[in-house]
Amino acid sequence: MENFNTFLAIKLPFGTIKDYFISALTFIVVLSILYLLRNVVLKKLEEFSLKTETDIDDLLVKLLKKIKSPEYQLIAFYFAIRHIDRTYSFDYALKVIMIIVFTYRLTTIAEEIFSYWIEKLEQDKENPLSALESIRIVFRILIWVVSILFILHNAGLNISTLLTSLGIGGVAVALAAQTILGDIFNFFVILLDKPFKKGDFIILGNAIMGTVEEIGLKSTKIRSLSGELITLTNTRIFSESIQNYSLMKERRVVSSIGIVYNTNQEKIGKVTQIIKQVVSSTENVRFDRANMSNLSAYSIDFEFVYYVTSPDYNLFMEVKEKIFSEILSALGKEGISFAYPTQTLILQKN
């Protein structure tokens, strides 16, 4: 036993044989734990993800699979060498290698997450965006620039001058392209907030109306009712109020009719019932109310309110026409006449 302890105490570069033995054992244990997590836990997670309808867990499995064997070995090696003496140069080199490896891996994971989001938008047939590929390229450039600067900074290089130059250049570019940058920013607002999508009928500031045909990085194209294509910058669109008629769930309709004053009291009492019966029996309509609303100069006015349970404008007009037609027919059968502008002249004889 004494001979064995003497053997373990033999000095080698950076430590004793015992230190190397502990380091090797640590490397094997840590690496075994990491491989166990990958082969058992990750496999179970993958089996579970196949049984669920959501694809978020599939994305998580895909991201975890991006961590490769060399990275597991690098982690195990980092913990293993804690037990031996190391030089500053060795620690510095290992630090730089780990920063490069794991920054690269995190960057690819960020790319994968962003690509997942872009693919979701591309799969949305109701909301295709022509600028998605441009966004993907811009994002990749930005994230790799940030990653390279992060590596250089943590490697001990002075990047202040570079950042200052980039800052001055960025301010100059921002001032020169202020409008363009505003349009791009508002594009992302459209992308995230979704005030409208391709195919929606919108009205901007009660002046411009039409169907959205294309949502671009800088501008949006709208096809007007008269047929011409209107191109508006994204900044201009958000400077106006946006009315999106395609997002309507139902349409509230307020209508009124007037009958003549010489209608007898019994028939006047039937008017609201006739209106309610006609409206309630019409398809795609939800009745709200019907009331005598006003005694005007030449008519007794009735107001009635109902909801068309569809945003379709053509259906709304068909329903409105049908309701007026049937009310006209029903009141005619009761001998109730609609009022029209009249004036009665009373002559007094002395």
Protein backbone atom coordinates (compact mmCIF):
# COMPACT_ATOMS: atom_id res chain seq x y z
CA MET A 1 0.00 0.00 0.00
CA GLU A 2 2.84 2.32 0.84
CA ASN A 3 4.39 1.60 -2.54
CA PHE A 4 1.08 2.47 -4.23
CA ASN A 5 0.82 5.79 -2.38
CA THR A 6 4.42 6.50 -3.33
CA PHE A 7 3.52 5.79 -6.95
CA LEU A 8 0.53 8.17 -6.81
CA ALA A 9 2.75 10.89 -5.34
CA ILE A 10 5.20 10.80 -8.26
CA LYS A 11 5.52 14.30 -9.71
CA LEU A 12 4.61 14.93 -13.35
CA PRO A 13 4.25 18.18 -15.28
CA PHE A 14 1.24 20.13 -13.85
CA GLY A 15 0.65 17.67 -10.98
CA THR A 16 1.10 14.21 -9.50
CA ILE A 17 -0.09 10.88 -10.85
CA LYS A 18 -2.87 11.07 -8.27
CA ASP A 19 -4.01 14.45 -9.69
CA TYR A 20 -4.05 12.98 -13.20
CA PHE A 21 -5.95 9.94 -11.96
CA ILE A 22 -8.62 12.13 -10.31
CA SER A 23 -8.85 14.27 -13.44
CA ALA A 24 -9.32 11.21 -15.66
CA LEU A 25 -11.97 9.82 -13.30
CA THR A 26 -13.77 13.19 -13.24
CA PHE A 27 -13.68 13.33 -17.03
CA ILE A 28 -15.22 9.84 -17.31
CA VAL A 29 -17.92 10.50 -14.69
CA VAL A 30 -19.00 13.90 -16.08
CA LEU A 31 -18.98 12.63 -19.66
CA SER A 32 -20.99 9.56 -18.64
CA ILE A 33 -23.61 11.74 -16.93
CA LEU A 34 -23.88 13.99 -20.00
CA TYR A 35 -24.22 11.02 -22.36
CA LEU A 36 -26.80 9.47 -20.02
CA LEU A 37 -28.83 12.67 -20.16
CA ARG A 38 -28.56 12.74 -23.95
CA ASN A 39 -29.35 9.06 -24.55
CA VAL A 40 -32.03 8.55 -21.89
CA VAL A 41 -33.66 11.85 -20.94
CA LEU A 42 -33.49 13.34 -24.44
CA LYS A 43 -34.83 10.12 -25.94
CA LYS A 44 -37.77 10.10 -23.52
CA LEU A 45 -38.45 13.75 -24.30
CA GLU A 46 -38.39 12.97 -28.01
CA GLU A 47 -40.88 10.11 -27.56
CA PHE A 48 -43.14 12.40 -25.54
CA SER A 49 -42.98 15.15 -28.19
CA LEU A 50 -44.20 12.73 -30.86
CA LYS A 51 -47.41 12.17 -28.88
CA THR A 52 -48.33 15.85 -28.50
CA GLU A 53 -50.04 18.07 -31.04
CA THR A 54 -47.91 21.15 -30.38
CA ASP A 55 -44.55 21.48 -32.09
CA ILE A 56 -42.89 23.56 -29.36
CA ASP A 57 -41.56 20.41 -27.70
CA ASP A 58 -40.33 19.18 -31.10
CA LEU A 59 -38.38 22.44 -31.41
CA LEU A 60 -36.92 21.93 -27.92
CA VAL A 61 -35.74 18.42 -28.83
CA LYS A 62 -34.25 19.74 -32.07
CA LEU A 63 -32.35 22.45 -30.18
CA LEU A 64 -30.98 19.98 -27.61
CA LYS A 65 -29.84 17.67 -30.41
CA LYS A 66 -27.72 20.49 -31.79
CA ILE A 67 -25.32 20.01 -28.87
CA LYS A 68 -22.78 17.55 -30.31
CA SER A 69 -20.34 15.05 -28.72
CA PRO A 70 -17.27 17.36 -28.92
CA GLU A 71 -19.13 19.89 -26.79
CA TYR A 72 -19.97 17.23 -24.17
CA GLN A 73 -16.30 16.25 -24.12
CA LEU A 74 -15.21 19.87 -23.78
CA ILE A 75 -17.49 20.32 -20.75
CA ALA A 76 -16.13 17.13 -19.15
CA PHE A 77 -12.56 18.22 -19.90
CA TYR A 78 -13.18 21.61 -18.25
CA PHE A 79 -14.27 19.96 -14.98
CA ALA A 80 -11.50 17.34 -15.17
CA ILE A 81 -8.58 19.79 -15.32
CA ARG A 82 -9.72 21.54 -12.13
CA HIS A 83 -7.60 18.99 -10.25
CA ILE A 84 -4.25 19.72 -11.94
CA ASP A 85 -1.98 22.74 -12.01
CA ARG A 86 -2.37 24.85 -15.11
CA THR A 87 -0.48 27.73 -16.65
CA TYR A 88 -2.07 31.07 -17.47
CA SER A 89 -1.55 30.45 -21.17
CA PHE A 90 -3.32 27.09 -20.96
CA ASP A 91 -6.32 28.60 -19.11
CA TYR A 92 -6.48 31.49 -21.56
CA ALA A 93 -6.41 29.17 -24.58
CA LEU A 94 -9.09 26.92 -23.05
CA LYS A 95 -11.23 29.95 -22.22
CA VAL A 96 -11.03 31.22 -25.81
CA ILE A 97 -11.83 27.79 -27.22
CA MET A 98 -14.88 27.40 -24.95
CA ILE A 99 -16.11 30.90 -25.76
CA ILE A 100 -15.81 30.22 -29.50
CA VAL A 101 -17.47 26.79 -29.32
CA PHE A 102 -20.39 27.72 -27.10
CA THR A 103 -20.98 31.13 -28.71
CA TYR A 104 -21.17 29.33 -32.05
CA ARG A 105 -23.62 26.80 -30.62
CA LEU A 106 -25.84 29.46 -29.00
CA THR A 107 -25.82 31.44 -32.24
CA THR A 108 -26.98 28.42 -34.25
CA ILE A 109 -29.69 27.76 -31.65
CA ALA A 110 -30.87 31.38 -31.94
CA GLU A 111 -30.92 30.99 -35.72
CA GLU A 112 -32.99 27.82 -35.37
CA ILE A 113 -35.54 29.54 -33.12
CA PHE A 114 -35.83 32.49 -35.51
CA SER A 115 -36.16 30.14 -38.49
CA TYR A 116 -38.94 28.29 -36.66
CA TRP A 117 -40.82 31.58 -36.24
CA ILE A 118 -40.27 32.53 -39.89
CA GLU A 119 -41.45 29.09 -41.07
CA LYS A 120 -44.61 29.50 -39.00
CA LEU A 121 -45.31 32.79 -40.77
CA GLU A 122 -44.59 31.21 -44.17
CA GLN A 123 -47.03 28.37 -43.42
CA ASP A 124 -49.78 30.89 -42.67
CA LYS A 125 -51.58 30.86 -46.04
CA GLU A 126 -53.78 33.77 -44.93
CA ASN A 127 -50.81 35.98 -44.17
CA PRO A 128 -47.94 35.47 -46.64
CA LEU A 129 -45.29 38.15 -46.35
CA SER A 130 -42.94 38.94 -49.21
CA ALA A 131 -40.17 40.25 -46.96
CA LEU A 132 -39.63 37.16 -44.80
CA GLU A 133 -36.48 36.02 -46.61
CA SER A 134 -35.01 39.52 -46.31
CA ILE A 135 -35.73 39.47 -42.58
CA ARG A 136 -34.04 36.08 -42.25
CA ILE A 137 -30.87 37.38 -43.96
CA VAL A 138 -30.79 40.61 -41.91
CA PHE A 139 -31.23 38.68 -38.66
CA ARG A 140 -28.43 36.22 -39.53
CA ILE A 141 -26.04 39.08 -40.31
CA LEU A 142 -26.88 40.91 -37.08
CA ILE A 143 -26.62 37.87 -34.81
CA TRP A 144 -23.28 36.78 -36.29
CA VAL A 145 -21.87 40.30 -35.99
CA VAL A 146 -22.92 40.40 -32.33
CA SER A 147 -21.46 36.91 -31.75
CA ILE A 148 -18.10 37.84 -33.30
CA LEU A 149 -17.90 41.03 -31.23
CA PHE A 150 -18.74 39.01 -28.10
CA ILE A 151 -15.94 36.53 -28.84
CA LEU A 152 -13.41 39.28 -29.51
CA HIS A 153 -14.35 41.14 -26.32
CA ASN A 154 -14.12 38.02 -24.12
CA ALA A 155 -10.86 37.03 -25.78
CA GLY A 156 -9.36 40.18 -24.29
CA LEU A 157 -9.21 42.28 -27.45
CA ASN A 158 -10.04 45.99 -27.25
CA ILE A 159 -13.08 46.53 -29.46
CA SER A 160 -13.95 50.00 -28.11
CA THR A 161 -12.55 51.73 -31.19
CA LEU A 162 -14.48 49.37 -33.45
CA LEU A 163 -17.70 49.90 -31.50
CA THR A 164 -17.17 53.67 -31.56
CA SER A 165 -16.71 53.57 -35.33
CA LEU A 166 -19.79 51.40 -35.70
CA GLY A 167 -21.71 53.77 -33.42
CA ILE A 168 -20.76 56.86 -35.42
CA GLY A 169 -21.49 55.06 -38.67
CA GLY A 170 -24.78 53.80 -37.30
CA VAL A 171 -25.87 57.31 -36.29
CA ALA A 172 -24.96 58.63 -39.74
CA VAL A 173 -26.86 55.83 -41.45
CA ALA A 174 -29.83 56.29 -39.13
CA LEU A 175 -30.05 60.00 -39.89
CA ALA A 176 -29.70 59.41 -43.63
CA ALA A 177 -32.24 56.58 -43.69
CA GLN A 178 -34.60 57.69 -40.93
CA THR A 179 -37.75 57.21 -43.03
CA ILE A 180 -36.67 53.79 -44.28
CA LEU A 181 -35.82 52.61 -40.77
CA GLY A 182 -39.22 53.85 -39.58
CA ASP A 183 -40.94 51.85 -42.33
CA ILE A 184 -38.97 48.72 -41.39
CA PHE A 185 -39.83 49.19 -37.71
CA ASN A 186 -43.53 49.52 -38.57
CA PHE A 187 -43.28 46.38 -40.69
CA PHE A 188 -42.32 44.48 -37.54
CA VAL A 189 -45.26 46.14 -35.76
CA ILE A 190 -47.56 44.74 -38.48
CA LEU A 191 -45.85 41.37 -38.15
CA LEU A 192 -46.25 41.15 -34.37
CA ASP A 193 -49.42 43.15 -33.66
CA LYS A 194 -51.30 41.96 -36.79
CA PRO A 195 -53.70 44.91 -37.28
CA PHE A 196 -54.40 43.41 -40.74
CA LYS A 197 -53.18 40.64 -43.03
CA LYS A 198 -53.19 39.92 -46.74
CA GLY A 199 -56.75 39.73 -48.08
CA ASP A 200 -58.29 41.97 -45.38
CA PHE A 201 -60.52 44.88 -46.37
CA ILE A 202 -59.37 47.99 -44.51
CA ILE A 203 -60.13 51.71 -44.40
CA LEU A 204 -57.35 54.15 -43.51
CA GLY A 205 -58.42 57.43 -41.94
CA ASN A 206 -61.85 57.31 -43.69
CA ALA A 207 -60.07 58.16 -46.96
CA ILE A 208 -58.29 55.14 -48.41
CA MET A 209 -60.11 51.83 -48.59
CA GLY A 210 -59.39 48.54 -50.29
CA THR A 211 -58.07 44.98 -49.96
CA VAL A 212 -54.52 44.37 -48.72
CA GLU A 213 -52.55 42.64 -51.50
CA GLU A 214 -48.98 42.69 -50.20
CA ILE A 215 -47.19 43.54 -46.96
CA GLY A 216 -43.57 44.47 -47.65
CA LEU A 217 -40.56 45.48 -45.60
CA LYS A 218 -40.99 49.15 -46.55
CA SER A 219 -44.51 49.50 -47.97
CA THR A 220 -47.94 47.88 -48.15
CA LYS A 221 -50.00 47.55 -51.33
CA ILE A 222 -53.79 48.01 -51.25
CA ARG A 223 -56.19 47.29 -54.12
CA SER A 224 -58.95 49.93 -54.05
CA LEU A 225 -62.60 49.29 -54.88
CA SER A 226 -62.19 51.07 -58.21
CA GLY A 227 -59.33 48.73 -59.16
CA GLU A 228 -56.15 50.79 -58.89
CA LEU A 229 -53.23 49.63 -56.73
CA ILE A 230 -52.33 52.00 -53.90
CA THR A 231 -48.83 51.74 -52.40
CA LEU A 232 -48.38 53.26 -48.95
CA THR A 233 -45.31 53.33 -46.72
CA ASN A 234 -45.72 51.42 -43.47
CA THR A 235 -45.11 54.64 -41.55
CA ARG A 236 -47.96 56.39 -43.43
CA ILE A 237 -50.32 53.51 -42.64
CA PHE A 238 -49.70 53.81 -38.90
CA SER A 239 -50.19 57.57 -39.01
CA GLU A 240 -53.87 56.91 -39.83
CA SER A 241 -56.62 55.09 -37.97
CA ILE A 242 -57.06 51.55 -39.31
CA GLN A 243 -60.53 50.05 -39.67
CA ASN A 244 -60.33 46.33 -40.44
CA TYR A 245 -63.70 45.09 -41.66
CA SER A 246 -62.41 41.55 -42.17
CA LEU A 247 -62.06 41.16 -38.40
CA MET A 248 -65.74 41.87 -37.83
CA LYS A 249 -67.60 38.96 -36.25
CA GLU A 250 -71.02 40.45 -36.89
CA ARG A 251 -72.49 43.66 -38.28
CA ARG A 252 -74.91 45.86 -36.32
CA VAL A 253 -77.67 47.38 -38.45
CA VAL A 254 -79.93 50.26 -37.38
CA SER A 255 -82.93 50.93 -39.67
CA SER A 256 -86.11 52.93 -39.46
CA ILE A 257 -89.46 53.25 -41.20
CA GLY A 258 -92.31 55.77 -40.97
CA ILE A 259 -96.08 55.24 -41.28
CA VAL A 260 -98.82 57.78 -41.87
CA TYR A 261 -100.57 59.53 -38.98
CA ASN A 262 -104.07 58.40 -39.94
CA THR A 263 -103.22 54.76 -39.09
CA ASN A 264 -105.55 53.53 -36.34
CA GLN A 265 -104.19 52.72 -32.89
CA GLU A 266 -104.66 48.95 -33.21
CA LYS A 267 -102.56 48.73 -36.36
CA ILE A 268 -99.90 51.02 -34.90
CA GLY A 269 -99.50 48.48 -32.08
CA LYS A 270 -98.85 45.71 -34.60
CA VAL A 271 -95.94 47.41 -36.35
CA THR A 272 -93.21 46.45 -33.84
CA GLN A 273 -94.51 42.85 -33.72
CA ILE A 274 -94.44 42.59 -37.51
CA ILE A 275 -90.88 43.95 -37.62
CA LYS A 276 -89.74 41.52 -34.91
CA GLN A 277 -91.34 38.55 -36.66
CA VAL A 278 -89.81 39.42 -40.04
CA VAL A 279 -86.31 40.05 -38.66
CA SER A 280 -86.29 37.02 -36.35
CA SER A 281 -87.33 34.66 -39.16
CA THR A 282 -84.50 35.83 -41.47
CA GLU A 283 -81.41 33.62 -41.71
CA ASN A 284 -78.01 34.91 -40.52
CA VAL A 285 -79.73 37.58 -38.42
CA ARG A 286 -80.05 38.13 -34.66
CA PHE A 287 -82.90 40.42 -33.62
CA ASP A 288 -82.18 43.08 -31.00
CA ARG A 289 -85.12 45.49 -30.63
CA ALA A 290 -87.94 47.39 -32.36
CA ASN A 291 -89.55 50.55 -30.93
CA MET A 292 -91.63 53.57 -31.84
CA SER A 293 -88.88 56.16 -31.92
CA ASN A 294 -90.29 59.51 -32.99
CA LEU A 295 -93.33 61.55 -33.98
CA SER A 296 -91.97 63.55 -36.87
CA ALA A 297 -93.64 66.26 -38.98
CA TYR A 298 -95.45 63.83 -41.30
CA SER A 299 -94.87 60.30 -39.96
CA ILE A 300 -94.86 58.00 -36.97
CA ASP A 301 -91.31 56.61 -36.93
CA PHE A 302 -90.17 53.16 -35.83
CA GLU A 303 -86.55 52.17 -35.26
CA PHE A 304 -85.34 48.57 -35.25
CA VAL A 305 -81.92 47.06 -34.62
CA TYR A 306 -80.53 43.66 -35.61
CA TYR A 307 -77.18 41.95 -36.15
CA VAL A 308 -76.04 40.20 -39.32
CA THR A 309 -73.98 37.29 -37.99
CA SER A 310 -71.34 37.53 -40.73
CA PRO A 311 -68.88 40.25 -41.77
CA ASP A 312 -69.61 39.63 -45.48
CA TYR A 313 -70.82 42.91 -47.01
CA ASN A 314 -72.71 41.26 -49.88
CA LEU A 315 -74.63 39.11 -47.40
CA PHE A 316 -75.39 42.20 -45.33
CA MET A 317 -76.94 43.96 -48.34
CA GLU A 318 -78.95 40.86 -49.31
CA VAL A 319 -80.28 40.51 -45.77
CA LYS A 320 -81.15 44.19 -45.55
CA GLU A 321 -83.00 44.08 -48.87
CA LYS A 322 -84.92 40.95 -47.85
CA ILE A 323 -85.98 42.43 -44.49
CA PHE A 324 -87.23 45.68 -46.03
CA SER A 325 -89.09 43.76 -48.74
CA GLU A 326 -90.86 41.48 -46.27
CA ILE A 327 -91.71 44.36 -43.91
CA LEU A 328 -93.17 46.27 -46.86
CA SER A 329 -95.25 43.22 -47.83
CA ALA A 330 -96.42 42.47 -44.27
CA LEU A 331 -97.47 46.05 -43.53
CA GLY A 332 -99.26 46.23 -46.90
CA LYS A 333 -101.36 43.18 -45.97
CA GLU A 334 -102.38 44.95 -42.76
CA GLY A 335 -103.35 48.05 -44.70
CA ILE A 336 -100.64 50.13 -43.07
CA SER A 337 -99.24 52.80 -45.39
CA PHE A 338 -95.74 54.20 -45.39
CA ALA A 339 -95.42 57.92 -44.90
CA TYR A 340 -93.94 60.33 -47.38
CA PRO A 341 -93.41 64.10 -47.10
CA THR A 342 -96.83 65.77 -47.01
CA GLN A 343 -98.17 69.11 -45.92
CA THR A 344 -101.75 69.83 -44.86
CA LEU A 345 -103.07 73.33 -45.51
CA ILE A 346 -105.99 74.40 -43.27
CA LEU A 347 -108.12 77.31 -44.55
CA GLN A 348 -110.25 79.19 -42.07
CA LYS A 349 -113.32 81.01 -43.46
CA ASN A 350 -114.43 84.20 -41.70
